[in-house]
Amino acid sequence: MRIDKFLKVSRIIKRRSVAKEIADKGRIFINDKTAKSSSDVRVGDDVKIVFGNKTLTIKVNQILDTTKKDEAQQMYEIISEKYERDYKNE
């Protein structure tokens, strides 16, 4: 499954167009390789997403074409969630 579709179906990112834009800016990595929006993601892959000051790393547990809201979190496992602090305001 394409990474942009996976991020939308798993509800990590609300809109596929936003997932595509983030991927095309080089802010999504699959197994430490820069991913394009059309890159395929498979079960067992590690995906790192950089959102501004937050970096989310997940492991893909399953691929589903559609999900209900309560089933979406079963598609992935959060490995780490890091926030960068803004030291300019201290």
N, C-alpha and C. Protein backbone atom coordinates (compact mmCIF):
# COMPACT_ATOMS: atom_id res chain seq x y z
N MET A 1 0.85 -1.18 0.00
CA MET A 1 0.00 0.00 0.00
C MET A 1 0.89 1.24 0.00
N ARG A 2 0.46 2.26 -0.71
CA ARG A 2 1.19 3.53 -0.74
C ARG A 2 1.23 4.14 0.66
N ILE A 3 2.34 4.80 0.98
CA ILE A 3 2.51 5.39 2.31
C ILE A 3 1.46 6.47 2.58
N ASP A 4 1.12 7.28 1.57
CA ASP A 4 0.13 8.34 1.81
C ASP A 4 -1.24 7.75 2.16
N LYS A 5 -1.61 6.66 1.50
CA LYS A 5 -2.88 6.01 1.80
C LYS A 5 -2.84 5.33 3.18
N PHE A 6 -1.72 4.69 3.51
CA PHE A 6 -1.59 4.05 4.81
C PHE A 6 -1.76 5.06 5.94
N LEU A 7 -1.12 6.21 5.82
CA LEU A 7 -1.20 7.24 6.86
C LEU A 7 -2.62 7.76 7.02
N LYS A 8 -3.37 7.85 5.93
CA LYS A 8 -4.76 8.30 6.01
C LYS A 8 -5.65 7.21 6.61
N VAL A 9 -5.55 5.97 6.11
CA VAL A 9 -6.40 4.88 6.60
C VAL A 9 -6.14 4.60 8.08
N SER A 10 -4.87 4.69 8.49
CA SER A 10 -4.53 4.45 9.90
C SER A 10 -4.85 5.65 10.79
N ARG A 11 -5.26 6.74 10.17
CA ARG A 11 -5.64 7.97 10.86
C ARG A 11 -4.47 8.65 11.60
N ILE A 12 -3.25 8.39 11.15
CA ILE A 12 -2.10 9.12 11.68
C ILE A 12 -2.13 10.54 11.14
N ILE A 13 -2.50 10.67 9.85
CA ILE A 13 -2.70 11.96 9.21
C ILE A 13 -4.13 11.96 8.66
N LYS A 14 -4.85 13.03 8.89
CA LYS A 14 -6.29 13.06 8.58
C LYS A 14 -6.62 13.02 7.09
N ARG A 15 -5.79 13.70 6.27
CA ARG A 15 -6.10 13.77 4.84
C ARG A 15 -4.95 13.21 4.01
N ARG A 16 -5.31 12.49 2.96
CA ARG A 16 -4.29 11.90 2.09
C ARG A 16 -3.47 12.98 1.39
N SER A 17 -4.10 14.09 1.05
CA SER A 17 -3.37 15.18 0.39
C SER A 17 -2.29 15.75 1.31
N VAL A 18 -2.57 15.82 2.61
CA VAL A 18 -1.58 16.31 3.57
C VAL A 18 -0.44 15.29 3.70
N ALA A 19 -0.77 14.00 3.74
CA ALA A 19 0.25 12.95 3.80
C ALA A 19 1.14 13.00 2.56
N LYS A 20 0.54 13.23 1.41
CA LYS A 20 1.30 13.32 0.16
C LYS A 20 2.25 14.51 0.20
N GLU A 21 1.76 15.63 0.68
CA GLU A 21 2.58 16.85 0.75
C GLU A 21 3.77 16.65 1.69
N ILE A 22 3.55 16.05 2.85
CA ILE A 22 4.63 15.81 3.81
C ILE A 22 5.67 14.86 3.22
N ALA A 23 5.20 13.80 2.55
CA ALA A 23 6.12 12.84 1.94
C ALA A 23 6.94 13.50 0.84
N ASP A 24 6.31 14.31 0.01
CA ASP A 24 7.01 14.95 -1.10
C ASP A 24 8.01 15.99 -0.64
N LYS A 25 7.89 16.45 0.62
CA LYS A 25 8.87 17.38 1.19
C LYS A 25 10.03 16.63 1.84
N GLY A 26 10.02 15.29 1.78
CA GLY A 26 11.12 14.50 2.34
C GLY A 26 11.07 14.34 3.84
N ARG A 27 9.88 14.41 4.42
CA ARG A 27 9.75 14.33 5.87
C ARG A 27 9.20 12.99 6.35
N ILE A 28 9.13 12.00 5.46
CA ILE A 28 8.71 10.65 5.83
C ILE A 28 9.80 9.68 5.40
N PHE A 29 10.15 8.78 6.31
CA PHE A 29 11.20 7.79 6.05
C PHE A 29 10.65 6.40 6.31
N ILE A 30 10.91 5.47 5.39
CA ILE A 30 10.54 4.07 5.57
C ILE A 30 11.85 3.30 5.70
N ASN A 31 12.03 2.65 6.85
CA ASN A 31 13.28 1.91 7.13
C ASN A 31 14.51 2.78 6.87
N ASP A 32 14.46 4.02 7.37
CA ASP A 32 15.56 5.00 7.28
C ASP A 32 15.88 5.47 5.87
N LYS A 33 14.98 5.24 4.91
CA LYS A 33 15.15 5.76 3.56
C LYS A 33 14.04 6.76 3.28
N THR A 34 14.38 7.88 2.67
CA THR A 34 13.39 8.91 2.36
C THR A 34 12.31 8.31 1.45
N ALA A 35 11.06 8.55 1.82
CA ALA A 35 9.93 7.99 1.07
C ALA A 35 9.22 9.07 0.27
N LYS A 36 8.75 8.69 -0.89
CA LYS A 36 7.85 9.55 -1.67
C LYS A 36 6.43 9.12 -1.33
N SER A 37 5.45 9.91 -1.73
CA SER A 37 4.06 9.57 -1.42
C SER A 37 3.64 8.25 -2.06
N SER A 38 4.29 7.86 -3.13
CA SER A 38 3.95 6.62 -3.82
C SER A 38 4.74 5.41 -3.32
N SER A 39 5.65 5.62 -2.34
CA SER A 39 6.44 4.51 -1.82
C SER A 39 5.55 3.49 -1.14
N ASP A 40 5.87 2.21 -1.33
CA ASP A 40 5.09 1.15 -0.71
C ASP A 40 5.54 0.92 0.72
N VAL A 41 4.56 0.64 1.58
CA VAL A 41 4.83 0.29 2.97
C VAL A 41 4.31 -1.14 3.17
N ARG A 42 5.07 -1.93 3.94
CA ARG A 42 4.71 -3.34 4.18
C ARG A 42 4.69 -3.61 5.68
N VAL A 43 4.06 -4.71 6.06
CA VAL A 43 4.04 -5.13 7.46
C VAL A 43 5.48 -5.33 7.93
N GLY A 44 5.79 -4.78 9.10
CA GLY A 44 7.13 -4.88 9.66
C GLY A 44 8.01 -3.68 9.39
N ASP A 45 7.60 -2.79 8.49
CA ASP A 45 8.39 -1.60 8.18
C ASP A 45 8.35 -0.61 9.35
N ASP A 46 9.47 0.10 9.53
CA ASP A 46 9.53 1.22 10.47
C ASP A 46 9.33 2.50 9.67
N VAL A 47 8.40 3.33 10.13
CA VAL A 47 8.08 4.58 9.44
C VAL A 47 8.34 5.73 10.40
N LYS A 48 9.13 6.72 9.95
CA LYS A 48 9.40 7.92 10.75
C LYS A 48 8.79 9.11 10.03
N ILE A 49 8.00 9.89 10.78
CA ILE A 49 7.31 11.06 10.21
C ILE A 49 7.74 12.29 11.02
N VAL A 50 8.21 13.31 10.31
CA VAL A 50 8.64 14.55 10.97
C VAL A 50 7.56 15.61 10.75
N PHE A 51 6.89 15.99 11.86
CA PHE A 51 5.89 17.06 11.84
C PHE A 51 6.49 18.24 12.58
N GLY A 52 6.94 19.25 11.92
CA GLY A 52 7.44 20.44 12.61
C GLY A 52 8.38 20.11 13.75
N ASN A 53 7.89 20.23 15.01
CA ASN A 53 8.74 19.97 16.17
C ASN A 53 8.50 18.59 16.77
N LYS A 54 7.76 17.73 16.10
CA LYS A 54 7.46 16.39 16.60
C LYS A 54 7.93 15.35 15.59
N THR A 55 8.57 14.29 16.09
CA THR A 55 8.99 13.17 15.25
C THR A 55 8.32 11.91 15.78
N LEU A 56 7.54 11.26 14.94
CA LEU A 56 6.81 10.05 15.31
C LEU A 56 7.40 8.87 14.56
N THR A 57 7.76 7.82 15.29
CA THR A 57 8.28 6.60 14.68
C THR A 57 7.32 5.46 15.02
N ILE A 58 6.87 4.76 13.98
CA ILE A 58 5.92 3.66 14.16
C ILE A 58 6.42 2.40 13.47
N LYS A 59 5.85 1.27 13.89
CA LYS A 59 6.09 -0.01 13.21
C LYS A 59 4.76 -0.45 12.63
N VAL A 60 4.75 -0.83 11.37
CA VAL A 60 3.52 -1.25 10.68
C VAL A 60 3.18 -2.67 11.11
N ASN A 61 1.99 -2.86 11.69
CA ASN A 61 1.54 -4.18 12.15
C ASN A 61 0.64 -4.87 11.14
N GLN A 62 -0.18 -4.10 10.44
CA GLN A 62 -1.07 -4.68 9.44
C GLN A 62 -1.47 -3.63 8.42
N ILE A 63 -1.86 -4.12 7.25
CA ILE A 63 -2.31 -3.25 6.16
C ILE A 63 -3.78 -3.55 5.92
N LEU A 64 -4.62 -2.53 6.02
CA LEU A 64 -6.05 -2.67 5.76
C LEU A 64 -6.46 -1.59 4.78
N ASP A 65 -7.36 -1.93 3.84
CA ASP A 65 -7.82 -0.94 2.86
C ASP A 65 -8.75 0.09 3.49
N THR A 66 -9.57 -0.34 4.43
CA THR A 66 -10.46 0.57 5.16
C THR A 66 -10.51 0.13 6.61
N THR A 67 -10.77 1.08 7.50
CA THR A 67 -10.88 0.74 8.92
C THR A 67 -11.93 1.61 9.57
N LYS A 68 -12.42 1.13 10.68
CA LYS A 68 -13.24 1.95 11.56
C LYS A 68 -12.29 2.65 12.51
N LYS A 69 -12.75 3.71 13.14
CA LYS A 69 -11.90 4.52 13.99
C LYS A 69 -11.21 3.68 15.08
N ASP A 70 -11.95 2.79 15.72
CA ASP A 70 -11.36 2.00 16.81
C ASP A 70 -10.40 0.92 16.32
N GLU A 71 -10.45 0.55 15.04
CA GLU A 71 -9.54 -0.45 14.48
C GLU A 71 -8.26 0.16 13.92
N ALA A 72 -8.26 1.46 13.69
CA ALA A 72 -7.14 2.12 13.02
C ALA A 72 -5.83 1.98 13.79
N GLN A 73 -5.86 2.08 15.11
CA GLN A 73 -4.63 2.01 15.90
C GLN A 73 -4.02 0.61 15.91
N GLN A 74 -4.77 -0.40 15.51
CA GLN A 74 -4.22 -1.75 15.43
C GLN A 74 -3.30 -1.91 14.22
N MET A 75 -3.34 -0.96 13.30
CA MET A 75 -2.51 -1.03 12.10
C MET A 75 -1.04 -0.72 12.38
N TYR A 76 -0.76 -0.08 13.51
CA TYR A 76 0.62 0.33 13.81
C TYR A 76 0.88 0.32 15.31
N GLU A 77 2.16 0.35 15.64
CA GLU A 77 2.60 0.43 17.03
C GLU A 77 3.56 1.60 17.12
N ILE A 78 3.36 2.48 18.09
CA ILE A 78 4.25 3.63 18.26
C ILE A 78 5.54 3.17 18.91
N ILE A 79 6.65 3.42 18.23
CA ILE A 79 7.97 3.07 18.77
C ILE A 79 8.50 4.23 19.60
N SER A 80 8.41 5.45 19.04
CA SER A 80 8.83 6.63 19.79
C SER A 80 8.10 7.87 19.29
N GLU A 81 8.00 8.84 20.19
CA GLU A 81 7.36 10.12 19.88
C GLU A 81 8.20 11.19 20.57
N LYS A 82 8.97 11.94 19.78
CA LYS A 82 9.89 12.92 20.34
C LYS A 82 9.46 14.33 19.97
N TYR A 83 9.61 15.23 20.91
CA TYR A 83 9.32 16.64 20.69
C TYR A 83 10.61 17.43 20.84
N GLU A 84 10.87 18.33 19.90
CA GLU A 84 12.03 19.22 20.00
C GLU A 84 11.58 20.48 20.71
N ARG A 85 12.37 20.91 21.65
CA ARG A 85 12.04 22.12 22.41
C ARG A 85 12.59 23.35 21.69
N ASP A 86 11.85 24.42 21.83
CA ASP A 86 12.29 25.68 21.24
C ASP A 86 13.10 26.41 22.30
N TYR A 87 14.43 26.38 22.18
CA TYR A 87 15.32 26.98 23.19
C TYR A 87 15.38 28.50 23.09
N LYS A 88 14.87 29.08 22.01
CA LYS A 88 14.91 30.53 21.85
C LYS A 88 14.00 31.23 22.85
N ASN A 89 12.95 30.57 23.30
CA ASN A 89 11.99 31.20 24.20
C ASN A 89 12.31 31.00 25.68
N GLU A 90 13.42 30.37 26.01
CA GLU A 90 13.77 30.15 27.41
C GLU A 90 14.55 31.28 27.98
